[in-house]
Amino acid sequence: MKTILTVDDSRTMREMLRRALQDSGFNVVQAEDGVHGIEVLQGIDPDVIITDVNMPRMDGLQFIEEVRADRERRAIPILVLTTESDAEKKARARAAGATGWIVKPFDPVKLIDAINRVAA
């Protein structure tokens, strides 16, 4: 069973992600922001990370950069889930090391397809 780490400051969004992912047979671990995400990563080895961009304490781009700076976690696929569809933000997310981009509100089927593509 694949493990997915979701990092989002919105409880509603975390719940929607958890439901969609668990219904598709994934193990879901949640974090409330980038700082919490880095802490949670110390204890798990997820197959894919899904992160929001706009969060308090540490935003999604900083979070991605932190994960990419860790040699042991550098290869984990990271999908950015955000309301932003701005080309400049996408370019910044890619430069930080994001694997892909999903716009909220997400379609659960497309989300699962994206996870299966990057986790293959």
PDB file of N, CA and C in Angstrom:
ATOM      1  N   MET A   1       0.834  -1.187   0.000  1.00  0.00           N
ATOM      2  CA  MET A   1       0.000   0.000   0.000  1.00  0.00           C
ATOM      3  C   MET A   1       0.882   1.256   0.000  1.00  0.00           C
ATOM      4  N   LYS A   2       0.578   2.158  -0.903  1.00  0.00           N
ATOM      5  CA  LYS A   2       1.359   3.393  -0.991  1.00  0.00           C
ATOM      6  C   LYS A   2       0.940   4.384   0.101  1.00  0.00           C
ATOM      7  N   THR A   3       1.937   5.111   0.616  1.00  0.00           N
ATOM      8  CA  THR A   3       1.679   6.127   1.636  1.00  0.00           C
ATOM      9  C   THR A   3       1.787   7.516   1.018  1.00  0.00           C
ATOM     10  N   ILE A   4       0.778   8.345   1.269  1.00  0.00           N
ATOM     11  CA  ILE A   4       0.747   9.707   0.758  1.00  0.00           C
ATOM     12  C   ILE A   4       0.781  10.665   1.950  1.00  0.00           C
ATOM     13  N   LEU A   5       1.700  11.628   1.908  1.00  0.00           N
ATOM     14  CA  LEU A   5       1.723  12.691   2.914  1.00  0.00           C
ATOM     15  C   LEU A   5       1.008  13.898   2.321  1.00  0.00           C
ATOM     16  N   THR A   6      -0.031  14.387   3.007  1.00  0.00           N
ATOM     17  CA  THR A   6      -0.716  15.604   2.562  1.00  0.00           C
ATOM     18  C   THR A   6      -0.349  16.741   3.511  1.00  0.00           C
ATOM     19  N   VAL A   7      -0.005  17.890   2.943  1.00  0.00           N
ATOM     20  CA  VAL A   7       0.390  19.053   3.729  1.00  0.00           C
ATOM     21  C   VAL A   7      -0.526  20.211   3.318  1.00  0.00           C
ATOM     22  N   ASP A   8      -1.450  20.582   4.211  1.00  0.00           N
ATOM     23  CA  ASP A   8      -2.406  21.655   3.898  1.00  0.00           C
ATOM     24  C   ASP A   8      -2.914  22.246   5.199  1.00  0.00           C
ATOM     25  N   ASP A   9      -2.983  23.564   5.278  1.00  0.00           N
ATOM     26  CA  ASP A   9      -3.442  24.207   6.508  1.00  0.00           C
ATOM     27  C   ASP A   9      -4.962  24.200   6.643  1.00  0.00           C
ATOM     28  N   SER A  10      -5.679  23.809   5.598  1.00  0.00           N
ATOM     29  CA  SER A  10      -7.146  23.755   5.655  1.00  0.00           C
ATOM     30  C   SER A  10      -7.602  22.364   6.107  1.00  0.00           C
ATOM     31  N   ARG A  11      -8.282  22.322   7.253  1.00  0.00           N
ATOM     32  CA  ARG A  11      -8.788  21.036   7.760  1.00  0.00           C
ATOM     33  C   ARG A  11      -9.752  20.420   6.751  1.00  0.00           C
ATOM     34  N   THR A  12     -10.599  21.246   6.126  1.00  0.00           N
ATOM     35  CA  THR A  12     -11.560  20.752   5.136  1.00  0.00           C
ATOM     36  C   THR A  12     -10.842  20.085   3.964  1.00  0.00           C
ATOM     37  N   MET A  13      -9.788  20.753   3.472  1.00  0.00           N
ATOM     38  CA  MET A  13      -9.046  20.194   2.337  1.00  0.00           C
ATOM     39  C   MET A  13      -8.336  18.899   2.745  1.00  0.00           C
ATOM     40  N   ARG A  14      -7.744  18.871   3.949  1.00  0.00           N
ATOM     41  CA  ARG A  14      -7.091  17.630   4.414  1.00  0.00           C
ATOM     42  C   ARG A  14      -8.102  16.485   4.470  1.00  0.00           C
ATOM     43  N   GLU A  15      -9.292  16.800   4.942  1.00  0.00           N
ATOM     44  CA  GLU A  15     -10.343  15.776   5.061  1.00  0.00           C
ATOM     45  C   GLU A  15     -10.769  15.273   3.676  1.00  0.00           C
ATOM     46  N   MET A  16     -10.941  16.201   2.724  1.00  0.00           N
ATOM     47  CA  MET A  16     -11.324  15.802   1.355  1.00  0.00           C
ATOM     48  C   MET A  16     -10.241  14.932   0.726  1.00  0.00           C
ATOM     49  N   LEU A  17      -8.991  15.315   0.922  1.00  0.00           N
ATOM     50  CA  LEU A  17      -7.876  14.521   0.392  1.00  0.00           C
ATOM     51  C   LEU A  17      -7.842  13.135   1.035  1.00  0.00           C
ATOM     52  N   ARG A  18      -7.970  13.113   2.376  1.00  0.00           N
ATOM     53  CA  ARG A  18      -7.925  11.838   3.097  1.00  0.00           C
ATOM     54  C   ARG A  18      -9.000  10.889   2.559  1.00  0.00           C
ATOM     55  N   ARG A  19     -10.221  11.412   2.420  1.00  0.00           N
ATOM     56  CA  ARG A  19     -11.322  10.578   1.943  1.00  0.00           C
ATOM     57  C   ARG A  19     -11.047  10.042   0.532  1.00  0.00           C
ATOM     58  N   ALA A  20     -10.661  10.935  -0.372  1.00  0.00           N
ATOM     59  CA  ALA A  20     -10.408  10.525  -1.765  1.00  0.00           C
ATOM     60  C   ALA A  20      -9.281   9.496  -1.846  1.00  0.00           C
ATOM     61  N   LEU A  21      -8.225   9.717  -1.067  1.00  0.00           N
ATOM     62  CA  LEU A  21      -7.061   8.825  -1.122  1.00  0.00           C
ATOM     63  C   LEU A  21      -7.323   7.491  -0.441  1.00  0.00           C
ATOM     64  N   GLN A  22      -7.951   7.533   0.730  1.00  0.00           N
ATOM     65  CA  GLN A  22      -8.243   6.266   1.426  1.00  0.00           C
ATOM     66  C   GLN A  22      -9.230   5.425   0.630  1.00  0.00           C
ATOM     67  N   ASP A  23     -10.203   6.075  -0.013  1.00  0.00           N
ATOM     68  CA  ASP A  23     -11.173   5.343  -0.839  1.00  0.00           C
ATOM     69  C   ASP A  23     -10.487   4.630  -2.001  1.00  0.00           C
ATOM     70  N   SER A  24      -9.324   5.145  -2.399  1.00  0.00           N
ATOM     71  CA  SER A  24      -8.570   4.528  -3.495  1.00  0.00           C
ATOM     72  C   SER A  24      -7.465   3.598  -2.987  1.00  0.00           C
ATOM     73  N   GLY A  25      -7.469   3.316  -1.687  1.00  0.00           N
ATOM     74  CA  GLY A  25      -6.554   2.324  -1.137  1.00  0.00           C
ATOM     75  C   GLY A  25      -5.198   2.840  -0.700  1.00  0.00           C
ATOM     76  N   PHE A  26      -5.064   4.160  -0.538  1.00  0.00           N
ATOM     77  CA  PHE A  26      -3.791   4.709  -0.064  1.00  0.00           C
ATOM     78  C   PHE A  26      -3.795   4.879   1.447  1.00  0.00           C
ATOM     79  N   ASN A  27      -2.610   4.767   2.033  1.00  0.00           N
ATOM     80  CA  ASN A  27      -2.405   5.107   3.434  1.00  0.00           C
ATOM     81  C   ASN A  27      -2.124   6.613   3.455  1.00  0.00           C
ATOM     82  N   VAL A  28      -2.843   7.382   4.297  1.00  0.00           N
ATOM     83  CA  VAL A  28      -2.708   8.837   4.302  1.00  0.00           C
ATOM     84  C   VAL A  28      -2.147   9.327   5.630  1.00  0.00           C
ATOM     85  N   VAL A  29      -1.096  10.149   5.550  1.00  0.00           N
ATOM     86  CA  VAL A  29      -0.526  10.810   6.718  1.00  0.00           C
ATOM     87  C   VAL A  29      -0.689  12.305   6.461  1.00  0.00           C
ATOM     88  N   GLN A  30      -1.138  13.057   7.485  1.00  0.00           N
ATOM     89  CA  GLN A  30      -1.438  14.469   7.286  1.00  0.00           C
ATOM     90  C   GLN A  30      -0.530  15.388   8.081  1.00  0.00           C
ATOM     91  N   ALA A  31      -0.264  16.573   7.504  1.00  0.00           N
ATOM     92  CA  ALA A  31       0.464  17.626   8.208  1.00  0.00           C
ATOM     93  C   ALA A  31      -0.280  18.939   7.964  1.00  0.00           C
ATOM     94  N   GLU A  32      -0.201  19.848   8.947  1.00  0.00           N
ATOM     95  CA  GLU A  32      -0.992  21.077   8.901  1.00  0.00           C
ATOM     96  C   GLU A  32      -0.287  22.243   8.219  1.00  0.00           C
ATOM     97  N   ASP A  33       1.026  22.160   8.036  1.00  0.00           N
ATOM     98  CA  ASP A  33       1.773  23.189   7.311  1.00  0.00           C
ATOM     99  C   ASP A  33       3.165  22.644   7.017  1.00  0.00           C
ATOM    100  N   GLY A  34       4.009  23.461   6.389  1.00  0.00           N
ATOM    101  CA  GLY A  34       5.331  22.988   5.994  1.00  0.00           C
ATOM    102  C   GLY A  34       6.210  22.562   7.154  1.00  0.00           C
ATOM    103  N   VAL A  35       6.170  23.332   8.253  1.00  0.00           N
ATOM    104  CA  VAL A  35       6.983  22.987   9.432  1.00  0.00           C
ATOM    105  C   VAL A  35       6.555  21.624   9.972  1.00  0.00           C
ATOM    106  N   HIS A  36       5.249  21.433  10.111  1.00  0.00           N
ATOM    107  CA  HIS A  36       4.706  20.155  10.585  1.00  0.00           C
ATOM    108  C   HIS A  36       5.053  19.038   9.588  1.00  0.00           C
ATOM    109  N   GLY A  37       4.982  19.357   8.293  1.00  0.00           N
ATOM    110  CA  GLY A  37       5.313  18.375   7.257  1.00  0.00           C
ATOM    111  C   GLY A  37       6.736  17.855   7.386  1.00  0.00           C
ATOM    112  N   ILE A  38       7.688  18.766   7.640  1.00  0.00           N
ATOM    113  CA  ILE A  38       9.094  18.368   7.818  1.00  0.00           C
ATOM    114  C   ILE A  38       9.232  17.476   9.054  1.00  0.00           C
ATOM    115  N   GLU A  39       8.508  17.833  10.134  1.00  0.00           N
ATOM    116  CA  GLU A  39       8.540  17.015  11.362  1.00  0.00           C
ATOM    117  C   GLU A  39       7.990  15.619  11.086  1.00  0.00           C
ATOM    118  N   VAL A  40       6.841  15.544  10.405  1.00  0.00           N
ATOM    119  CA  VAL A  40       6.201  14.258  10.108  1.00  0.00           C
ATOM    120  C   VAL A  40       7.111  13.393   9.234  1.00  0.00           C
ATOM    121  N   LEU A  41       7.820  14.025   8.296  1.00  0.00           N
ATOM    122  CA  LEU A  41       8.711  13.284   7.390  1.00  0.00           C
ATOM    123  C   LEU A  41       9.835  12.564   8.118  1.00  0.00           C
ATOM    124  N   GLN A  42      10.186  13.007   9.317  1.00  0.00           N
ATOM    125  CA  GLN A  42      11.256  12.338  10.060  1.00  0.00           C
ATOM    126  C   GLN A  42      10.860  10.902  10.412  1.00  0.00           C
ATOM    127  N   GLY A  43       9.545  10.637  10.506  1.00  0.00           N
ATOM    128  CA  GLY A  43       9.102   9.317  10.929  1.00  0.00           C
ATOM    129  C   GLY A  43       8.526   8.430   9.844  1.00  0.00           C
ATOM    130  N   ILE A  44       8.369   8.965   8.624  1.00  0.00           N
ATOM    131  CA  ILE A  44       7.762   8.164   7.552  1.00  0.00           C
ATOM    132  C   ILE A  44       8.554   8.305   6.259  1.00  0.00           C
ATOM    133  N   ASP A  45       8.266   7.414   5.323  1.00  0.00           N
ATOM    134  CA  ASP A  45       8.901   7.454   4.007  1.00  0.00           C
ATOM    135  C   ASP A  45       7.782   7.372   2.960  1.00  0.00           C
ATOM    136  N   PRO A  46       7.125   8.522   2.674  1.00  0.00           N
ATOM    137  CA  PRO A  46       5.962   8.467   1.779  1.00  0.00           C
ATOM    138  C   PRO A  46       6.347   8.194   0.328  1.00  0.00           C
ATOM    139  N   ASP A  47       5.387   7.647  -0.426  1.00  0.00           N
ATOM    140  CA  ASP A  47       5.599   7.400  -1.852  1.00  0.00           C
ATOM    141  C   ASP A  47       5.384   8.681  -2.651  1.00  0.00           C
ATOM    142  N   VAL A  48       4.457   9.528  -2.172  1.00  0.00           N
ATOM    143  CA  VAL A  48       4.140  10.802  -2.822  1.00  0.00           C
ATOM    144  C   VAL A  48       3.787  11.814  -1.737  1.00  0.00           C
ATOM    145  N   ILE A  49       4.138  13.083  -1.973  1.00  0.00           N
ATOM    146  CA  ILE A  49       3.739  14.178  -1.087  1.00  0.00           C
ATOM    147  C   ILE A  49       2.826  15.107  -1.885  1.00  0.00           C
ATOM    148  N   ILE A  50       1.719  15.520  -1.260  1.00  0.00           N
ATOM    149  CA  ILE A  50       0.830  16.522  -1.861  1.00  0.00           C
ATOM    150  C   ILE A  50       0.867  17.728  -0.935  1.00  0.00           C
ATOM    151  N   THR A  51       1.229  18.892  -1.466  1.00  0.00           N
ATOM    152  CA  THR A  51       1.308  20.072  -0.617  1.00  0.00           C
ATOM    153  C   THR A  51       0.571  21.270  -1.200  1.00  0.00           C
ATOM    154  N   ASP A  52      -0.013  22.052  -0.301  1.00  0.00           N
ATOM    155  CA  ASP A  52      -0.606  23.338  -0.641  1.00  0.00           C
ATOM    156  C   ASP A  52       0.551  24.324  -0.814  1.00  0.00           C
ATOM    157  N   VAL A  53       0.295  25.491  -1.407  1.00  0.00           N
ATOM    158  CA  VAL A  53       1.328  26.517  -1.527  1.00  0.00           C
ATOM    159  C   VAL A  53       1.204  27.538  -0.397  1.00  0.00           C
ATOM    160  N   ASN A  54       0.018  28.126  -0.259  1.00  0.00           N
ATOM    161  CA  ASN A  54      -0.180  29.209   0.711  1.00  0.00           C
ATOM    162  C   ASN A  54      -0.509  28.661   2.088  1.00  0.00           C
ATOM    163  N   MET A  55       0.503  28.659   2.984  1.00  0.00           N
ATOM    164  CA  MET A  55       0.317  28.161   4.354  1.00  0.00           C
ATOM    165  C   MET A  55       1.116  29.042   5.312  1.00  0.00           C
ATOM    166  N   PRO A  56       0.686  29.090   6.580  1.00  0.00           N
ATOM    167  CA  PRO A  56       1.452  29.843   7.579  1.00  0.00           C
ATOM    168  C   PRO A  56       2.736  29.087   7.963  1.00  0.00           C
ATOM    169  N   ARG A  57       3.621  29.745   8.672  1.00  0.00           N
ATOM    170  CA  ARG A  57       4.894  29.202   9.198  1.00  0.00           C
ATOM    171  C   ARG A  57       5.896  28.864   8.097  1.00  0.00           C
ATOM    172  N   MET A  58       5.539  27.941   7.197  1.00  0.00           N
ATOM    173  CA  MET A  58       6.408  27.608   6.063  1.00  0.00           C
ATOM    174  C   MET A  58       5.500  27.293   4.882  1.00  0.00           C
ATOM    175  N   ASP A  59       5.627  28.054   3.794  1.00  0.00           N
ATOM    176  CA  ASP A  59       4.740  27.807   2.655  1.00  0.00           C
ATOM    177  C   ASP A  59       5.183  26.580   1.856  1.00  0.00           C
ATOM    178  N   GLY A  60       4.376  26.213   0.880  1.00  0.00           N
ATOM    179  CA  GLY A  60       4.631  25.002   0.106  1.00  0.00           C
ATOM    180  C   GLY A  60       5.941  25.020  -0.659  1.00  0.00           C
ATOM    181  N   LEU A  61       6.315  26.200  -1.195  1.00  0.00           N
ATOM    182  CA  LEU A  61       7.566  26.275  -1.957  1.00  0.00           C
ATOM    183  C   LEU A  61       8.772  26.070  -1.048  1.00  0.00           C
ATOM    184  N   GLN A  62       8.750  26.690   0.130  1.00  0.00           N
ATOM    185  CA  GLN A  62       9.841  26.485   1.099  1.00  0.00           C
ATOM    186  C   GLN A  62       9.890  25.018   1.539  1.00  0.00           C
ATOM    187  N   PHE A  63       8.698  24.439   1.751  1.00  0.00           N
ATOM    188  CA  PHE A  63       8.603  23.032   2.152  1.00  0.00           C
ATOM    189  C   PHE A  63       9.257  22.136   1.090  1.00  0.00           C
ATOM    190  N   ILE A  64       8.922  22.379  -0.187  1.00  0.00           N
ATOM    191  CA  ILE A  64       9.493  21.578  -1.284  1.00  0.00           C
ATOM    192  C   ILE A  64      11.019  21.711  -1.290  1.00  0.00           C
ATOM    193  N   GLU A  65      11.501  22.948  -1.138  1.00  0.00           N
ATOM    194  CA  GLU A  65      12.954  23.169  -1.131  1.00  0.00           C
ATOM    195  C   GLU A  65      13.625  22.410   0.010  1.00  0.00           C
ATOM    196  N   GLU A  66      12.980  22.399   1.195  1.00  0.00           N
ATOM    197  CA  GLU A  66      13.535  21.664   2.354  1.00  0.00           C
ATOM    198  C   GLU A  66      13.605  20.162   2.050  1.00  0.00           C
ATOM    199  N   VAL A  67      12.516  19.622   1.476  1.00  0.00           N
ATOM    200  CA  VAL A  67      12.487  18.185   1.160  1.00  0.00           C
ATOM    201  C   VAL A  67      13.568  17.867   0.123  1.00  0.00           C
ATOM    202  N   ARG A  68      13.682  18.704  -0.904  1.00  0.00           N
ATOM    203  CA  ARG A  68      14.670  18.467  -1.970  1.00  0.00           C
ATOM    204  C   ARG A  68      16.111  18.596  -1.465  1.00  0.00           C
ATOM    205  N   ALA A  69      16.307  19.371  -0.385  1.00  0.00           N
ATOM    206  CA  ALA A  69      17.656  19.538   0.173  1.00  0.00           C
ATOM    207  C   ALA A  69      18.104  18.304   0.961  1.00  0.00           C
ATOM    208  N   ASP A  70      17.154  17.437   1.305  1.00  0.00           N
ATOM    209  CA  ASP A  70      17.445  16.226   2.073  1.00  0.00           C
ATOM    210  C   ASP A  70      17.763  15.090   1.094  1.00  0.00           C
ATOM    211  N   ARG A  71      19.001  14.664   1.075  1.00  0.00           N
ATOM    212  CA  ARG A  71      19.449  13.666   0.094  1.00  0.00           C
ATOM    213  C   ARG A  71      18.577  12.411   0.077  1.00  0.00           C
ATOM    214  N   GLU A  72      18.124  11.961   1.248  1.00  0.00           N
ATOM    215  CA  GLU A  72      17.336  10.719   1.316  1.00  0.00           C
ATOM    216  C   GLU A  72      15.912  10.889   0.790  1.00  0.00           C
ATOM    217  N   ARG A  73      15.435  12.136   0.732  1.00  0.00           N
ATOM    218  CA  ARG A  73      14.043  12.358   0.310  1.00  0.00           C
ATOM    219  C   ARG A  73      13.937  13.089  -1.020  1.00  0.00           C
ATOM    220  N   ARG A  74      15.083  13.351  -1.619  1.00  0.00           N
ATOM    221  CA  ARG A  74      15.130  14.148  -2.846  1.00  0.00           C
ATOM    222  C   ARG A  74      14.264  13.577  -3.968  1.00  0.00           C
ATOM    223  N   ALA A  75      14.132  12.250  -4.022  1.00  0.00           N
ATOM    224  CA  ALA A  75      13.440  11.612  -5.150  1.00  0.00           C
ATOM    225  C   ALA A  75      11.934  11.444  -4.949  1.00  0.00           C
ATOM    226  N   ILE A  76      11.409  11.802  -3.786  1.00  0.00           N
ATOM    227  CA  ILE A  76       9.965  11.631  -3.546  1.00  0.00           C
ATOM    228  C   ILE A  76       9.183  12.583  -4.459  1.00  0.00           C
ATOM    229  N   PRO A  77       8.229  12.058  -5.248  1.00  0.00           N
ATOM    230  CA  PRO A  77       7.416  12.949  -6.081  1.00  0.00           C
ATOM    231  C   PRO A  77       6.585  13.889  -5.204  1.00  0.00           C
ATOM    232  N   ILE A  78       6.522  15.166  -5.604  1.00  0.00           N
ATOM    233  CA  ILE A  78       5.734  16.151  -4.854  1.00  0.00           C
ATOM    234  C   ILE A  78       4.747  16.816  -5.806  1.00  0.00           C
ATOM    235  N   LEU A  79       3.470  16.680  -5.481  1.00  0.00           N
ATOM    236  CA  LEU A  79       2.413  17.344  -6.246  1.00  0.00           C
ATOM    237  C   LEU A  79       1.954  18.579  -5.478  1.00  0.00           C
ATOM    238  N   VAL A  80       1.838  19.700  -6.178  1.00  0.00           N
ATOM    239  CA  VAL A  80       1.377  20.946  -5.577  1.00  0.00           C
ATOM    240  C   VAL A  80      -0.122  21.058  -5.824  1.00  0.00           C
ATOM    241  N   LEU A  81      -0.877  21.237  -4.745  1.00  0.00           N
ATOM    242  CA  LEU A  81      -2.335  21.367  -4.821  1.00  0.00           C
ATOM    243  C   LEU A  81      -2.675  22.780  -4.395  1.00  0.00           C
ATOM    244  N   THR A  82      -3.195  23.582  -5.320  1.00  0.00           N
ATOM    245  CA  THR A  82      -3.412  24.989  -4.986  1.00  0.00           C
ATOM    246  C   THR A  82      -4.534  25.621  -5.789  1.00  0.00           C
ATOM    247  N   THR A  83      -5.040  26.724  -5.287  1.00  0.00           N
ATOM    248  CA  THR A  83      -6.049  27.499  -6.013  1.00  0.00           C
ATOM    249  C   THR A  83      -5.372  28.361  -7.076  1.00  0.00           C
ATOM    250  N   GLU A  84      -4.049  28.489  -6.985  1.00  0.00           N
ATOM    251  CA  GLU A  84      -3.289  29.316  -7.929  1.00  0.00           C
ATOM    252  C   GLU A  84      -3.110  28.589  -9.255  1.00  0.00           C
ATOM    253  N   SER A  85      -3.406  29.278 -10.365  1.00  0.00           N
ATOM    254  CA  SER A  85      -3.115  28.664 -11.666  1.00  0.00           C
ATOM    255  C   SER A  85      -2.148  29.550 -12.433  1.00  0.00           C
ATOM    256  N   ASP A  86      -1.555  30.495 -11.719  1.00  0.00           N
ATOM    257  CA  ASP A  86      -0.621  31.478 -12.235  1.00  0.00           C
ATOM    258  C   ASP A  86       0.663  30.819 -12.775  1.00  0.00           C
ATOM    259  N   ALA A  87       1.033  31.165 -14.012  1.00  0.00           N
ATOM    260  CA  ALA A  87       2.210  30.563 -14.668  1.00  0.00           C
ATOM    261  C   ALA A  87       3.497  30.827 -13.890  1.00  0.00           C
ATOM    262  N   GLU A  88       3.621  32.010 -13.327  1.00  0.00           N
ATOM    263  CA  GLU A  88       4.839  32.356 -12.579  1.00  0.00           C
ATOM    264  C   GLU A  88       4.965  31.471 -11.338  1.00  0.00           C
ATOM    265  N   LYS A  89       3.829  31.241 -10.634  1.00  0.00           N
ATOM    266  CA  LYS A  89       3.846  30.371  -9.444  1.00  0.00           C
ATOM    267  C   LYS A  89       4.206  28.945  -9.852  1.00  0.00           C
ATOM    268  N   LYS A  90       3.663  28.496 -10.993  1.00  0.00           N
ATOM    269  CA  LYS A  90       3.993  27.145 -11.472  1.00  0.00           C
ATOM    270  C   LYS A  90       5.486  27.033 -11.735  1.00  0.00           C
ATOM    271  N   ALA A  91       6.052  28.052 -12.371  1.00  0.00           N
ATOM    272  CA  ALA A  91       7.483  28.047 -12.676  1.00  0.00           C
ATOM    273  C   ALA A  91       8.296  28.019 -11.383  1.00  0.00           C
ATOM    274  N   ARG A  92       7.867  28.788 -10.371  1.00  0.00           N
ATOM    275  CA  ARG A  92       8.567  28.800  -9.083  1.00  0.00           C
ATOM    276  C   ARG A  92       8.460  27.440  -8.397  1.00  0.00           C
ATOM    277  N   ALA A  93       7.287  26.818  -8.490  1.00  0.00           N
ATOM    278  CA  ALA A  93       7.100  25.490  -7.877  1.00  0.00           C
ATOM    279  C   ALA A  93       7.996  24.463  -8.572  1.00  0.00           C
ATOM    280  N   ARG A  94       8.071  24.533  -9.903  1.00  0.00           N
ATOM    281  CA  ARG A  94       8.947  23.621 -10.645  1.00  0.00           C
ATOM    282  C   ARG A  94      10.400  23.843 -10.266  1.00  0.00           C
ATOM    283  N   ALA A  95      10.796  25.134 -10.182  1.00  0.00           N
ATOM    284  CA  ALA A  95      12.180  25.469  -9.821  1.00  0.00           C
ATOM    285  C   ALA A  95      12.509  24.950  -8.414  1.00  0.00           C
ATOM    286  N   ALA A  96      11.512  24.974  -7.511  1.00  0.00           N
ATOM    287  CA  ALA A  96      11.713  24.483  -6.140  1.00  0.00           C
ATOM    288  C   ALA A  96      11.852  22.961  -6.127  1.00  0.00           C
ATOM    289  N   GLY A  97      11.294  22.305  -7.151  1.00  0.00           N
ATOM    290  CA  GLY A  97      11.416  20.851  -7.242  1.00  0.00           C
ATOM    291  C   GLY A  97      10.098  20.103  -7.289  1.00  0.00           C
ATOM    292  N   ALA A  98       8.995  20.820  -7.537  1.00  0.00           N
ATOM    293  CA  ALA A  98       7.690  20.152  -7.623  1.00  0.00           C
ATOM    294  C   ALA A  98       7.650  19.233  -8.842  1.00  0.00           C
ATOM    295  N   THR A  99       6.963  18.114  -8.693  1.00  0.00           N
ATOM    296  CA  THR A  99       6.840  17.139  -9.773  1.00  0.00           C
ATOM    297  C   THR A  99       5.639  17.467 -10.662  1.00  0.00           C
ATOM    298  N   GLY A 100       4.567  17.983 -10.040  1.00  0.00           N
ATOM    299  CA  GLY A 100       3.343  18.266 -10.783  1.00  0.00           C
ATOM    300  C   GLY A 100       2.478  19.273 -10.058  1.00  0.00           C
ATOM    301  N   TRP A 101       1.366  19.634 -10.689  1.00  0.00           N
ATOM    302  CA  TRP A 101       0.526  20.747 -10.247  1.00  0.00           C
ATOM    303  C   TRP A 101      -0.936  20.348 -10.374  1.00  0.00           C
ATOM    304  N   ILE A 102      -1.714  20.479  -9.310  1.00  0.00           N
ATOM    305  CA  ILE A 102      -3.146  20.167  -9.358  1.00  0.00           C
ATOM    306  C   ILE A 102      -3.906  21.372  -8.811  1.00  0.00           C
ATOM    307  N   VAL A 103      -4.893  21.866  -9.571  1.00  0.00           N
ATOM    308  CA  VAL A 103      -5.634  23.051  -9.153  1.00  0.00           C
ATOM    309  C   VAL A 103      -6.861  22.642  -8.325  1.00  0.00           C
ATOM    310  N   LYS A 104      -7.079  23.376  -7.205  1.00  0.00           N
ATOM    311  CA  LYS A 104      -8.283  23.181  -6.388  1.00  0.00           C
ATOM    312  C   LYS A 104      -9.429  23.936  -7.042  1.00  0.00           C
ATOM    313  N   PRO A 105     -10.672  23.484  -6.909  1.00  0.00           N
ATOM    314  CA  PRO A 105     -11.018  22.210  -6.263  1.00  0.00           C
ATOM    315  C   PRO A 105     -10.595  21.040  -7.152  1.00  0.00           C
ATOM    316  N   PHE A 106     -10.028  20.000  -6.526  1.00  0.00           N
ATOM    317  CA  PHE A 106      -9.488  18.894  -7.315  1.00  0.00           C
ATOM    318  C   PHE A 106     -10.563  17.871  -7.667  1.00  0.00           C
ATOM    319  N   ASP A 107     -10.340  17.197  -8.784  1.00  0.00           N
ATOM    320  CA  ASP A 107     -11.173  16.078  -9.220  1.00  0.00           C
ATOM    321  C   ASP A 107     -10.483  14.825  -8.678  1.00  0.00           C
ATOM    322  N   PRO A 108     -11.149  14.066  -7.773  1.00  0.00           N
ATOM    323  CA  PRO A 108     -10.502  12.891  -7.167  1.00  0.00           C
ATOM    324  C   PRO A 108      -9.920  11.913  -8.191  1.00  0.00           C
ATOM    325  N   VAL A 109     -10.604  11.712  -9.315  1.00  0.00           N
ATOM    326  CA  VAL A 109     -10.122  10.769 -10.329  1.00  0.00           C
ATOM    327  C   VAL A 109      -8.807  11.269 -10.930  1.00  0.00           C
ATOM    328  N   LYS A 110      -8.751  12.574 -11.249  1.00  0.00           N
ATOM    329  CA  LYS A 110      -7.520  13.144 -11.815  1.00  0.00           C
ATOM    330  C   LYS A 110      -6.400  13.125 -10.787  1.00  0.00           C
ATOM    331  N   LEU A 111      -6.746  13.360  -9.525  1.00  0.00           N
ATOM    332  CA  LEU A 111      -5.744  13.327  -8.452  1.00  0.00           C
ATOM    333  C   LEU A 111      -5.118  11.940  -8.357  1.00  0.00           C
ATOM    334  N   ILE A 112      -5.952  10.902  -8.335  1.00  0.00           N
ATOM    335  CA  ILE A 112      -5.458   9.519  -8.216  1.00  0.00           C
ATOM    336  C   ILE A 112      -4.623   9.172  -9.458  1.00  0.00           C
ATOM    337  N   ASP A 113      -5.070   9.594 -10.636  1.00  0.00           N
ATOM    338  CA  ASP A 113      -4.296   9.365 -11.867  1.00  0.00           C
ATOM    339  C   ASP A 113      -2.921  10.003 -11.767  1.00  0.00           C
ATOM    340  N   ALA A 114      -2.869  11.249 -11.272  1.00  0.00           N
ATOM    341  CA  ALA A 114      -1.602  11.972 -11.145  1.00  0.00           C
ATOM    342  C   ALA A 114      -0.683  11.244 -10.158  1.00  0.00           C
ATOM    343  N   ILE A 115      -1.242  10.791  -9.044  1.00  0.00           N
ATOM    344  CA  ILE A 115      -0.439  10.056  -8.044  1.00  0.00           C
ATOM    345  C   ILE A 115       0.117   8.777  -8.651  1.00  0.00           C
ATOM    346  N   ASN A 116      -0.732   8.035  -9.345  1.00  0.00           N
ATOM    347  CA  ASN A 116      -0.281   6.784  -9.951  1.00  0.00           C
ATOM    348  C   ASN A 116       0.796   7.011 -11.016  1.00  0.00           C
ATOM    349  N   ARG A 117       0.679   8.129 -11.755  1.00  0.00           N
ATOM    350  CA  ARG A 117       1.693   8.465 -12.755  1.00  0.00           C
ATOM    351  C   ARG A 117       3.035   8.750 -12.117  1.00  0.00           C
ATOM    352  N   VAL A 118       3.052   9.628 -11.085  1.00  0.00           N
ATOM    353  CA  VAL A 118       4.338  10.024 -10.491  1.00  0.00           C
ATOM    354  C   VAL A 118       4.927   8.964  -9.569  1.00  0.00           C
ATOM    355  N   ALA A 119       4.083   8.077  -9.040  1.00  0.00           N
ATOM    356  CA  ALA A 119       4.575   7.062  -8.092  1.00  0.00           C
ATOM    357  C   ALA A 119       4.973   5.764  -8.794  1.00  0.00           C
ATOM    358  N   ALA A 120       4.793   5.713 -10.110  1.00  0.00           N
ATOM    359  CA  ALA A 120       5.061   4.469 -10.842  1.00  0.00           C
ATOM    360  C   ALA A 120       6.517   4.033 -10.730  1.00  0.00           C
TER     361      ALA A 120
END
